[in-house]
Structures are given as structure tokens and as C-alpha cells.
Amino acid sequence: MADYQMKPVLQKPPGYRDPNMSSPPPPPPPMSQQPMRKAVPMPTSYRPKKKRRSCCRFCCCCICITLVLFIFLLLVGTAVFYLWFDPKLPTFSLASFRLDGFKLADDPDGASLSATAVARVEMKNPNSKLVFYYGNTAVEMSVGSGNDETGMGETTVNGFRQGPKNSTSVKVETTVKNQLVERGLAKRLAAKFQSKDLVINVVAKTKVGLGVGGIKIGMLAVNLRCGGVSLNKLDTDSPQCTLNTLKW
């Protein structure tokens, strides 16, 4: 048997391309790879709460609508009340004032005053459909003006009801006995009493309520001040009293 001698395989040079083989497709261009960002979870407090916001918005709308409706009904009710009843405030005047047993005596410590003050206050209700309710009234009376003003005692008048188109006269009486005063003041008071130039004052604190159809509506605190005139002017005139509300 004959021996065959194997020929060495020739190495292909670099870059050699076999013409019988089809050329492979060119590799795709490299893509620039960017680092993947990790999603950061949103805090719970910043997450939208659609249901809760909608509920709050609905409640706010209901409150606003209710408030507007209440104000509207209140205005309408007030207008109807004023048009129908035409309310007016009561009027007060000091009808009379006198000092019984007015006496100034000298004491070792100075002078003493004894007297009984009797005042009559006229109260009128000008309304034809409204009733006034008066609570217990604290009354203070004094004589003199400025630094010479001297207290004549205080008392309390029981509350009462005043009907429509009604005029009520309230009598008030206070007494002082052996009240110490300065001698100089005692002389001035005695001289003005004799000449009827003595100024008298009546101050009352009470509460007034309104009545409509048997229904009592609230009680308003009022401060009533009468007088500020001399005794001789009271003989021919009944001065009007000043009415202040919510002032004590």
C-alpha cells in the first residue's frame, strides 16, 4: 500500500475574505448604555387622596350654603318683623320728685343728713302689637351735682309686664338717716333746698324683654338715667330720661 503524504494547511492571512462565502451582516452599532434609575417611592403625606379631598370639599360647600341660607332667612324674617310690627323703644320721663323730712343737723363729727326721696317715673309703650317685660330694677337716687352730689339711698323695684299702648307710673322711694356729710356741703345743700335749686338724679339698671303673641323674646340690659334738673324745673316740666343699652 502506498503512503499518502498530507500537505500542510495554509493559514489565511488577516483580513482574508473567502469569495465563495456570503458576507455576514454588519454588527449593530453599540448603544450607549445609561445607568438605570431606581424609582423612589413617594411619601405617604404627598400622595393624592382624591376621596378625602372630595369629601372635605363637599362638607365645605354644604356649610357655606347653609350659612348663606340662614343669613338670608334671618334678613327676610327681620324685614317682615319690622314691616309688620313697626317696633319702637319705650319712653321714660321723670314725672315728679320730692324730698320729705329733709333735715341737716350738726354732729360732733360733722353734719348729718336725714331725708326720704320719692320719685315717680312715667313709662310709655308706644307699640300697638308688642309687649315689654321689665326685670327687677335697681334704683339709686342722689341730690346735688358735680362734687356736691350726695347719695339718697337705693332700692329695688319688682319686675312687671307692660301691655301695648300702655302708660305706667312707677313710684320709687329711698331713705337716708343720719348720713354723715361735710359741714360745708351741708350748708350748700340746705341753701339750694330752700331755693329749690337743688339738682336731683335718678339712675336705674334693669333688663327689658320683648313679647309677641304671648312669646317672650330675650332680655336686654339697659341703663336709665333721669333728672339732672333742679326741683323748681320739675314743677313745670317732666324731663325725658336717657336710655342706654348694654352699658352698666
Protein backbone atom coordinates (compact mmCIF):
# COMPACT_ATOMS: atom_id res chain seq x y z
CA MET A 1 0.00 0.00 0.00
CA ALA A 2 1.31 3.34 -0.93
CA ASP A 3 1.59 6.04 1.78
CA TYR A 4 -0.01 9.49 1.12
CA GLN A 5 1.81 12.45 2.37
CA MET A 6 -0.53 15.13 3.89
CA LYS A 7 0.05 18.66 2.78
CA PRO A 8 0.16 21.37 5.44
CA VAL A 9 -2.91 23.66 5.61
CA LEU A 10 -2.10 27.18 4.66
CA GLN A 11 -3.06 29.81 7.21
CA LYS A 12 -5.31 32.57 5.93
CA PRO A 13 -3.82 35.98 6.25
CA PRO A 14 -5.55 38.50 8.46
CA GLY A 15 -8.43 40.24 6.75
CA TYR A 16 -8.81 37.47 4.13
CA ARG A 17 -12.34 37.10 2.83
CA ASP A 18 -13.42 33.94 1.06
CA PRO A 19 -15.16 34.94 -2.17
CA ASN A 20 -17.35 31.84 -2.03
CA MET A 21 -18.85 32.68 1.35
CA SER A 22 -21.51 35.23 1.81
CA SER A 23 -20.52 38.17 3.94
CA PRO A 24 -22.20 38.25 7.38
CA PRO A 25 -24.40 41.24 8.19
CA PRO A 26 -22.60 44.11 9.86
CA PRO A 27 -22.92 44.15 13.64
CA PRO A 28 -25.34 46.72 15.02
CA PRO A 29 -23.77 49.89 16.32
CA PRO A 30 -23.16 49.85 20.05
CA MET A 31 -25.90 51.54 22.08
CA SER A 32 -24.89 53.91 24.74
CA GLN A 33 -25.93 52.31 27.96
CA GLN A 34 -27.26 54.65 30.61
CA PRO A 35 -27.47 53.64 34.26
CA MET A 36 -30.95 52.58 35.34
CA ARG A 37 -32.53 54.96 37.86
CA LYS A 38 -34.27 53.34 40.76
CA ALA A 39 -37.82 54.61 41.30
CA VAL A 40 -38.05 56.44 44.60
CA PRO A 41 -41.39 55.82 46.35
CA MET A 42 -43.42 59.00 47.03
CA PRO A 43 -44.00 59.80 50.75
CA THR A 44 -47.43 58.95 52.06
CA SER A 45 -48.18 62.57 53.02
CA TYR A 46 -47.62 63.70 49.39
CA ARG A 47 -49.74 61.08 47.75
CA PRO A 48 -53.00 62.48 46.39
CA LYS A 49 -56.05 61.50 48.36
CA LYS A 50 -58.85 62.13 45.96
CA LYS A 51 -61.58 60.68 48.11
CA ARG A 52 -60.65 62.66 51.21
CA ARG A 53 -60.33 65.93 49.31
CA SER A 54 -63.66 65.41 47.62
CA CYS A 55 -65.34 64.75 50.97
CA CYS A 56 -63.82 67.87 52.54
CA ARG A 57 -64.83 69.98 49.56
CA PHE A 58 -68.38 68.65 49.76
CA CYS A 59 -68.62 69.42 53.50
CA CYS A 60 -67.30 72.98 52.99
CA CYS A 61 -69.83 73.60 50.24
CA CYS A 62 -72.67 72.34 52.44
CA ILE A 63 -71.58 74.56 55.35
CA CYS A 64 -71.30 77.65 53.13
CA ILE A 65 -74.70 77.03 51.53
CA THR A 66 -76.30 76.50 54.95
CA LEU A 67 -74.72 79.68 56.33
CA VAL A 68 -75.83 81.78 53.36
CA LEU A 69 -79.33 80.35 53.58
CA PHE A 70 -79.51 81.06 57.32
CA ILE A 71 -78.39 84.69 56.85
CA PHE A 72 -80.89 85.15 54.04
CA LEU A 73 -83.76 83.77 56.12
CA LEU A 74 -82.69 85.92 59.09
CA LEU A 75 -82.71 89.06 56.96
CA VAL A 76 -86.08 88.21 55.48
CA GLY A 77 -87.54 87.46 58.93
CA THR A 78 -86.17 90.71 60.35
CA ALA A 79 -87.60 92.72 57.45
CA VAL A 80 -91.02 91.09 57.83
CA PHE A 81 -90.96 91.69 61.60
CA TYR A 82 -90.17 95.40 61.20
CA LEU A 83 -92.73 95.90 58.45
CA TRP A 84 -95.49 94.11 60.35
CA PHE A 85 -94.89 95.26 63.94
CA ASP A 86 -93.06 98.57 63.41
CA PRO A 87 -91.26 98.24 66.81
CA LYS A 88 -90.42 101.33 68.86
CA LEU A 89 -88.41 101.73 72.06
CA PRO A 90 -90.25 102.61 75.28
CA THR A 91 -90.02 106.19 76.52
CA PHE A 92 -89.27 107.27 80.10
CA SER A 93 -89.72 110.60 81.86
CA LEU A 94 -89.36 111.85 85.43
CA ALA A 95 -92.88 112.90 86.40
CA SER A 96 -92.14 114.12 89.92
CA PHE A 97 -89.55 114.20 92.70
CA ARG A 98 -89.78 115.38 96.26
CA LEU A 99 -87.77 115.27 99.47
CA ASP A 100 -89.73 114.54 102.64
CA GLY A 101 -88.27 115.25 106.08
CA PHE A 102 -85.17 116.90 104.64
CA LYS A 103 -83.01 117.70 107.67
CA LEU A 104 -79.39 118.66 108.17
CA ALA A 105 -78.07 118.57 111.74
CA ASP A 106 -74.70 119.37 113.29
CA ASP A 107 -72.88 116.46 114.88
CA PRO A 108 -69.56 116.31 116.71
CA ASP A 109 -68.02 114.58 113.68
CA GLY A 110 -69.52 117.00 111.13
CA ALA A 111 -73.09 117.17 109.82
CA SER A 112 -75.72 114.52 109.24
CA LEU A 113 -78.40 114.28 106.58
CA SER A 114 -81.80 112.67 107.00
CA ALA A 115 -84.45 112.63 104.27
CA THR A 116 -86.81 110.48 102.22
CA ALA A 117 -86.64 110.83 98.45
CA VAL A 118 -89.79 109.99 96.49
CA ALA A 119 -89.65 109.87 92.69
CA ARG A 120 -92.24 108.90 90.10
CA VAL A 121 -91.11 107.69 86.68
CA GLU A 122 -93.54 107.60 83.74
CA MET A 123 -93.05 104.71 81.30
CA LYS A 124 -94.85 104.54 77.94
CA ASN A 125 -95.13 101.70 75.44
CA PRO A 126 -95.82 103.28 72.01
CA ASN A 127 -96.28 99.94 70.23
CA SER A 128 -99.73 98.64 69.32
CA LYS A 129 -98.76 94.95 68.98
CA LEU A 130 -95.74 94.48 71.22
CA VAL A 131 -95.43 93.90 74.97
CA PHE A 132 -92.49 94.90 77.17
CA TYR A 133 -91.25 92.82 80.11
CA TYR A 134 -89.16 94.51 82.81
CA GLY A 135 -86.95 92.59 85.20
CA ASN A 136 -86.12 93.61 88.74
CA THR A 137 -84.81 97.17 88.65
CA ALA A 138 -82.06 98.57 90.90
CA VAL A 139 -82.64 102.29 91.52
CA GLU A 140 -80.26 104.85 93.04
CA MET A 141 -81.18 108.46 93.84
CA SER A 142 -78.99 111.42 94.67
CA VAL A 143 -79.09 115.21 95.05
CA GLY A 144 -76.56 117.83 94.04
CA SER A 145 -74.24 117.96 91.05
CA GLY A 146 -70.52 117.53 90.48
CA ASN A 147 -68.52 117.26 93.70
CA ASP A 148 -71.63 118.12 95.73
CA GLU A 149 -73.58 115.06 94.58
CA THR A 150 -74.81 113.17 97.64
CA GLY A 151 -76.46 109.77 97.64
CA MET A 152 -80.03 109.43 98.91
CA GLY A 153 -80.11 105.65 99.12
CA GLU A 154 -81.06 102.83 96.77
CA THR A 155 -83.87 100.32 96.38
CA THR A 156 -85.19 97.57 94.08
CA VAL A 157 -88.43 97.63 92.08
CA ASN A 158 -90.00 94.29 91.18
CA GLY A 159 -90.34 93.36 87.53
CA PHE A 160 -93.63 93.75 85.68
CA ARG A 161 -95.32 93.47 82.27
CA GLN A 162 -96.37 96.48 80.20
CA GLY A 163 -99.02 95.96 77.53
CA PRO A 164 -99.36 97.65 74.13
CA LYS A 165 -100.20 101.37 74.09
CA ASN A 166 -99.87 101.41 77.86
CA SER A 167 -98.60 104.13 80.19
CA THR A 168 -97.27 103.01 83.58
CA SER A 169 -96.21 105.17 86.52
CA VAL A 170 -93.63 103.64 88.87
CA LYS A 171 -93.10 105.08 92.32
CA VAL A 172 -89.63 104.81 93.86
CA GLU A 173 -88.79 105.68 97.45
CA THR A 174 -85.45 105.70 99.28
CA THR A 175 -84.44 106.91 102.73
CA VAL A 176 -81.24 108.04 104.41
CA LYS A 177 -80.93 108.66 108.14
CA ASN A 178 -78.11 110.45 109.92
CA GLN A 179 -75.83 110.17 106.91
CA LEU A 180 -72.55 111.99 107.62
CA VAL A 181 -71.62 114.84 105.27
CA GLU A 182 -69.13 117.68 105.44
CA ARG A 183 -70.30 120.88 107.10
CA GLY A 184 -69.55 122.97 104.04
CA LEU A 185 -71.52 120.57 101.83
CA ALA A 186 -74.39 120.53 104.33
CA LYS A 187 -74.68 124.33 104.17
CA ARG A 188 -74.70 124.31 100.34
CA LEU A 189 -77.33 121.55 100.19
CA ALA A 190 -79.54 123.36 102.73
CA ALA A 191 -79.33 126.64 100.81
CA LYS A 192 -80.18 125.01 97.45
CA PHE A 193 -83.01 123.05 99.03
CA GLN A 194 -84.57 126.22 100.37
CA SER A 195 -84.34 127.93 96.97
CA LYS A 196 -85.45 124.79 95.08
CA ASP A 197 -82.27 124.99 93.09
CA LEU A 198 -81.16 121.54 94.28
CA VAL A 199 -80.36 119.19 91.37
CA ILE A 200 -81.83 115.69 91.61
CA ASN A 201 -80.72 112.46 89.87
CA VAL A 202 -82.34 109.04 89.41
CA VAL A 203 -80.35 106.12 87.95
CA ALA A 204 -81.93 102.74 87.23
CA LYS A 205 -80.41 99.47 85.98
CA THR A 206 -82.75 96.82 84.62
CA LYS A 207 -83.42 94.33 81.82
CA VAL A 208 -86.09 94.76 79.16
CA GLY A 209 -87.64 91.93 77.14
CA LEU A 210 -89.99 91.95 74.15
CA GLY A 211 -93.21 89.97 73.91
CA VAL A 212 -95.01 88.97 70.68
CA GLY A 213 -98.21 86.95 70.79
CA GLY A 214 -97.50 85.64 74.27
CA ILE A 215 -93.90 84.69 73.37
CA LYS A 216 -91.15 86.36 75.38
CA ILE A 217 -88.09 87.32 73.33
CA GLY A 218 -84.86 87.77 75.28
CA MET A 219 -83.87 90.27 77.97
CA LEU A 220 -81.64 93.22 77.13
CA ALA A 221 -79.65 95.04 79.84
CA VAL A 222 -80.36 98.78 79.91
CA ASN A 223 -79.18 101.75 81.94
CA LEU A 224 -81.71 104.51 82.60
CA ARG A 225 -80.75 107.98 83.84
CA CYS A 226 -83.34 110.59 84.78
CA GLY A 227 -83.07 114.05 86.29
CA GLY A 228 -80.10 116.33 86.09
CA VAL A 229 -82.53 119.21 86.66
CA SER A 230 -83.39 121.34 89.66
CA LEU A 231 -86.51 120.96 91.82
CA ASN A 232 -88.08 124.20 90.58
CA LYS A 233 -87.97 123.00 86.94
CA LEU A 234 -89.80 119.82 87.87
CA ASP A 235 -92.80 121.89 88.89
CA THR A 236 -93.50 122.77 85.25
CA ASP A 237 -91.65 120.13 83.23
CA SER A 238 -91.17 116.35 83.07
CA PRO A 239 -87.68 115.79 81.66
CA GLN A 240 -87.07 112.79 79.45
CA CYS A 241 -84.80 110.04 80.71
CA THR A 242 -81.77 108.79 78.81
CA LEU A 243 -81.81 105.11 77.85
CA ASN A 244 -78.52 103.31 77.15
CA THR A 245 -78.38 99.66 76.14
CA LEU A 246 -75.62 97.21 77.10
CA LYS A 247 -74.00 99.78 79.38
CA TRP A 248 -73.71 99.13 83.10
